[in-house]
């Protein structure tokens, strides 16, 4: 691609997402949602460091800030990697139907298109772990932001999985497809409920203050 999707303005990215074009699509949106979740974790950490009330967690918060920044940057990279991963598949479908190599090229392109959303899921799982820890050790004043991050992360995780499943469904290599689906399923089974619990805990704590 000539330019990075993540160099767009918010309105520019949203317009590109709304346009009649293949990328960005659901995968890019999922990666961006995961990056925003990581950003909210960082925000909570930044408002926690240096506060006497949370001095016992200072070292942990600094570590979480570094890890959240790495995840944020990686998820932003995956916005573009997802678009780049779709390009070979798009070219494969453009091959003439009578081309004897077409099926094999489509199969390979479909497998490649699974890679970025799988990496999004893995990175988002890391973000969910960080949000869970930040919810315990971060400033109570930023609890709503941690909760918002958790809900965004759950959405990102599940959205990315859809992009994997949409590709594995059409694969002729069923062994690869089933193994990939199982990999997705394990992450969803562990981390979707964990993200939901972090968000629900924040909601319950905030509502009790009212």
Protein backbone atom coordinates (compact mmCIF):
# COMPACT_ATOMS: atom_id res chain seq x y z
CA UNK A 1 0.00 0.00 0.00
CA UNK A 2 1.22 3.49 -0.81
CA UNK A 3 0.23 5.00 2.54
CA UNK A 4 -0.65 3.65 5.94
CA UNK A 5 -4.27 3.47 6.96
CA UNK A 6 -3.24 4.50 10.45
CA UNK A 7 -1.87 7.78 9.11
CA UNK A 8 -5.47 8.77 8.31
CA UNK A 9 -7.46 11.11 10.51
CA UNK A 10 -10.28 9.59 12.55
CA UNK A 11 -12.81 10.94 10.05
CA UNK A 12 -10.67 9.75 7.14
CA UNK A 13 -10.42 6.22 8.46
CA UNK A 14 -14.15 6.11 9.18
CA UNK A 15 -14.88 7.33 5.65
CA UNK A 16 -12.56 4.70 4.17
CA UNK A 17 -14.26 2.05 6.27
CA UNK A 18 -17.67 3.18 5.01
CA UNK A 19 -16.62 3.23 1.35
CA UNK A 20 -17.28 0.58 -1.29
CA UNK A 21 -13.84 -1.00 -1.06
CA UNK A 22 -12.42 -4.15 0.48
CA UNK A 23 -9.97 -2.52 2.87
CA UNK A 24 -10.09 -1.32 5.51
CA UNK A 25 -12.76 -3.70 6.68
CA UNK A 26 -13.72 -5.61 9.79
CA UNK A 27 -10.17 -6.74 10.47
CA UNK A 28 -8.77 -3.22 10.43
CA UNK A 29 -11.61 -2.01 12.62
CA UNK A 30 -10.93 -4.83 15.09
CA UNK A 31 -7.24 -3.97 15.31
CA UNK A 32 -8.01 -0.30 15.85
CA UNK A 33 -10.50 -1.16 18.61
CA UNK A 34 -7.81 -3.25 20.29
CA UNK A 35 -5.35 -0.37 20.03
CA UNK A 36 -7.89 1.97 21.62
CA UNK A 37 -8.36 -0.52 24.46
CA UNK A 38 -4.60 -0.50 25.04
CA UNK A 39 -4.63 3.30 24.98
CA UNK A 40 -7.26 3.43 27.72
CA UNK A 41 -5.15 1.09 29.83
CA UNK A 42 -2.24 3.49 29.38
CA UNK A 43 -4.40 6.47 30.27
CA UNK A 44 -5.39 4.83 33.55
CA UNK A 45 -1.75 4.08 34.29
CA UNK A 46 -0.59 7.61 33.53
CA UNK A 47 -3.08 9.01 36.04
CA UNK A 48 -1.90 6.47 38.64
CA UNK A 49 1.88 6.90 38.64
CA UNK A 50 3.20 9.31 41.22
CA UNK A 51 0.12 9.08 43.45
CA UNK A 52 0.90 8.24 47.08
CA UNK A 53 -2.25 6.18 47.40
CA UNK A 54 -0.96 3.74 44.78
CA UNK A 55 2.74 3.85 45.66
CA UNK A 56 2.85 0.11 46.38
CA UNK A 57 1.88 -0.57 42.76
CA UNK A 58 4.20 2.01 41.17
CA UNK A 59 6.62 -0.51 39.66
CA UNK A 60 3.79 -2.67 38.32
CA UNK A 61 2.05 0.34 36.75
CA UNK A 62 5.25 1.42 35.01
CA UNK A 63 5.62 -2.13 33.64
CA UNK A 64 2.00 -2.14 32.47
CA UNK A 65 2.49 1.20 30.75
CA UNK A 66 5.43 -0.17 28.78
CA UNK A 67 3.53 -3.33 27.84
CA UNK A 68 0.39 -1.43 26.88
CA UNK A 69 2.41 0.87 24.63
CA UNK A 70 3.96 -2.11 22.86
CA UNK A 71 0.52 -3.65 22.35
CA UNK A 72 -0.94 -0.37 21.11
CA UNK A 73 1.80 0.03 18.53
CA UNK A 74 1.53 -3.61 17.44
CA UNK A 75 -2.24 -3.41 16.99
CA UNK A 76 -1.89 -0.26 14.91
CA UNK A 77 0.62 -2.07 12.71
CA UNK A 78 -1.91 -4.86 12.30
CA UNK A 79 -4.46 -2.44 10.84
CA UNK A 80 -2.18 -2.15 7.82
CA UNK A 81 -0.96 -5.74 7.91
CA UNK A 82 -4.55 -6.91 7.65
CA UNK A 83 -5.07 -4.81 4.54
CA UNK A 84 -1.78 -6.03 3.07
CA UNK A 85 -2.73 -9.64 3.84
CA UNK A 86 -5.94 -9.30 1.87
CA UNK A 87 -4.23 -8.06 -1.29
CA UNK A 88 -2.90 -11.48 -2.49
CA UNK A 89 -6.32 -13.04 -1.95
CA UNK A 90 -7.97 -10.28 -3.94
CA UNK A 91 -5.51 -10.84 -6.78
CA UNK A 92 -6.10 -14.59 -6.63
CA UNK A 93 -9.84 -14.21 -7.09
CA UNK A 94 -9.16 -11.97 -10.10
CA UNK A 95 -7.40 -14.83 -11.91
CA UNK A 96 -9.35 -16.34 -14.81
CA UNK A 97 -11.49 -19.26 -13.68
CA UNK A 98 -9.90 -21.47 -16.33
CA UNK A 99 -6.42 -20.86 -14.86
CA UNK A 100 -5.30 -24.27 -13.46
CA UNK A 101 -3.36 -22.58 -10.64
CA UNK A 102 -6.32 -20.48 -9.44
CA UNK A 103 -7.58 -22.83 -6.72
CA UNK A 104 -4.13 -23.29 -5.19
CA UNK A 105 -3.41 -19.56 -5.28
CA UNK A 106 -6.74 -18.78 -3.61
CA UNK A 107 -6.06 -21.42 -0.95
CA UNK A 108 -2.66 -19.93 -0.15
CA UNK A 109 -4.06 -16.38 -0.13
CA UNK A 110 -6.86 -17.44 2.20
CA UNK A 111 -4.42 -18.96 4.64
CA UNK A 112 -2.34 -15.80 4.59
CA UNK A 113 -5.44 -13.70 5.24
CA UNK A 114 -5.88 -15.56 8.54
CA UNK A 115 -2.53 -14.43 9.89
CA UNK A 116 -3.22 -10.79 10.79
CA UNK A 117 -6.53 -11.36 12.61
CA UNK A 118 -4.96 -14.22 14.57
CA UNK A 119 -2.16 -11.89 15.66
CA UNK A 120 -4.78 -9.26 16.57
CA UNK A 121 -6.46 -11.78 18.83
CA UNK A 122 -3.19 -12.70 20.53
CA UNK A 123 -2.27 -9.06 21.11
CA UNK A 124 -5.76 -8.22 22.35
CA UNK A 125 -5.52 -11.05 24.87
CA UNK A 126 -2.41 -9.34 26.25
CA UNK A 127 -4.33 -6.08 26.48
CA UNK A 128 -7.15 -7.79 28.38
CA UNK A 129 -4.64 -9.16 30.89
CA UNK A 130 -3.24 -5.65 31.35
CA UNK A 131 -6.69 -4.12 31.80
CA UNK A 132 -7.57 -6.73 34.40
CA UNK A 133 -4.42 -5.88 36.35
CA UNK A 134 -4.91 -2.14 35.91
CA UNK A 135 -8.44 -2.51 37.23
CA UNK A 136 -6.96 -3.87 40.44
CA UNK A 137 -3.94 -1.58 40.82
CA UNK A 138 -4.81 1.61 38.97
CA UNK A 139 -6.50 4.78 40.15
CA UNK A 140 -10.16 4.34 41.09
CA UNK A 141 -10.86 7.62 39.33
CA UNK A 142 -10.02 5.94 36.00
CA UNK A 143 -12.07 2.82 36.60
CA UNK A 144 -14.61 3.74 33.93
CA UNK A 145 -11.80 4.03 31.37
CA UNK A 146 -10.50 0.60 32.30
CA UNK A 147 -14.02 -0.77 31.91
CA UNK A 148 -14.45 0.92 28.53
CA UNK A 149 -11.13 -0.56 27.45
CA UNK A 150 -12.24 -4.02 28.51
CA UNK A 151 -15.46 -3.81 26.50
CA UNK A 152 -13.57 -2.50 23.46
CA UNK A 153 -11.05 -5.31 23.83
CA UNK A 154 -13.77 -7.94 23.97
CA UNK A 155 -15.30 -6.50 20.81
CA UNK A 156 -11.92 -6.45 19.11
CA UNK A 157 -11.26 -10.07 20.08
CA UNK A 158 -14.58 -11.34 18.80
CA UNK A 159 -14.48 -9.19 15.66
CA UNK A 160 -11.01 -10.47 14.77
CA UNK A 161 -12.18 -14.05 15.25
CA UNK A 162 -14.94 -13.52 12.69
CA UNK A 163 -12.31 -12.55 10.14
CA UNK A 164 -10.49 -15.80 10.83
CA UNK A 165 -13.61 -17.96 10.66
CA UNK A 166 -14.75 -16.30 7.42
CA UNK A 167 -11.51 -17.47 5.82
CA UNK A 168 -11.15 -20.93 7.34
CA UNK A 169 -14.69 -21.80 6.26
CA UNK A 170 -13.67 -21.88 2.60
CA UNK A 171 -10.34 -23.70 2.96
CA UNK A 172 -9.87 -27.06 1.29
CA UNK A 173 -7.18 -27.89 3.86
CA UNK A 174 -9.57 -28.84 6.64
CA UNK A 175 -6.79 -29.88 9.01
CA UNK A 176 -5.36 -26.36 8.88
CA UNK A 177 -8.84 -24.86 9.14
CA UNK A 178 -9.84 -26.89 12.18
CA UNK A 179 -6.53 -26.22 13.95
CA UNK A 180 -6.89 -22.50 13.29
CA UNK A 181 -10.50 -22.48 14.46
CA UNK A 182 -9.47 -24.29 17.64
CA UNK A 183 -6.77 -21.69 18.26
CA UNK A 184 -9.38 -18.95 17.96
CA UNK A 185 -11.79 -20.84 20.18
CA UNK A 186 -9.27 -21.19 22.99
CA UNK A 187 -8.62 -17.45 23.04
CA UNK A 188 -12.32 -16.62 22.92
CA UNK A 189 -13.18 -19.10 25.67
CA UNK A 190 -10.58 -17.68 28.05
CA UNK A 191 -10.45 -13.99 27.22
CA UNK A 192 -13.96 -12.94 26.18
CA UNK A 193 -15.32 -13.79 29.66
CA UNK A 194 -12.26 -12.20 31.29
CA UNK A 195 -12.83 -8.93 29.42
CA UNK A 196 -16.52 -9.04 30.26
CA UNK A 197 -15.69 -9.56 33.94
CA UNK A 198 -13.35 -6.54 33.97
CA UNK A 199 -16.00 -4.36 32.35
CA UNK A 200 -18.76 -5.65 34.58
CA UNK A 201 -16.66 -5.15 37.71
CA UNK A 202 -16.02 -1.53 36.74
CA UNK A 203 -19.71 -0.98 36.05
CA UNK A 204 -20.77 -2.51 39.37
CA UNK A 205 -18.23 -0.51 41.37
CA UNK A 206 -19.20 2.77 39.69
CA UNK A 207 -22.92 2.21 40.08
CA UNK A 208 -22.49 1.46 43.80
CA UNK A 209 -21.05 4.97 44.23
CA UNK A 210 -24.22 6.56 42.87
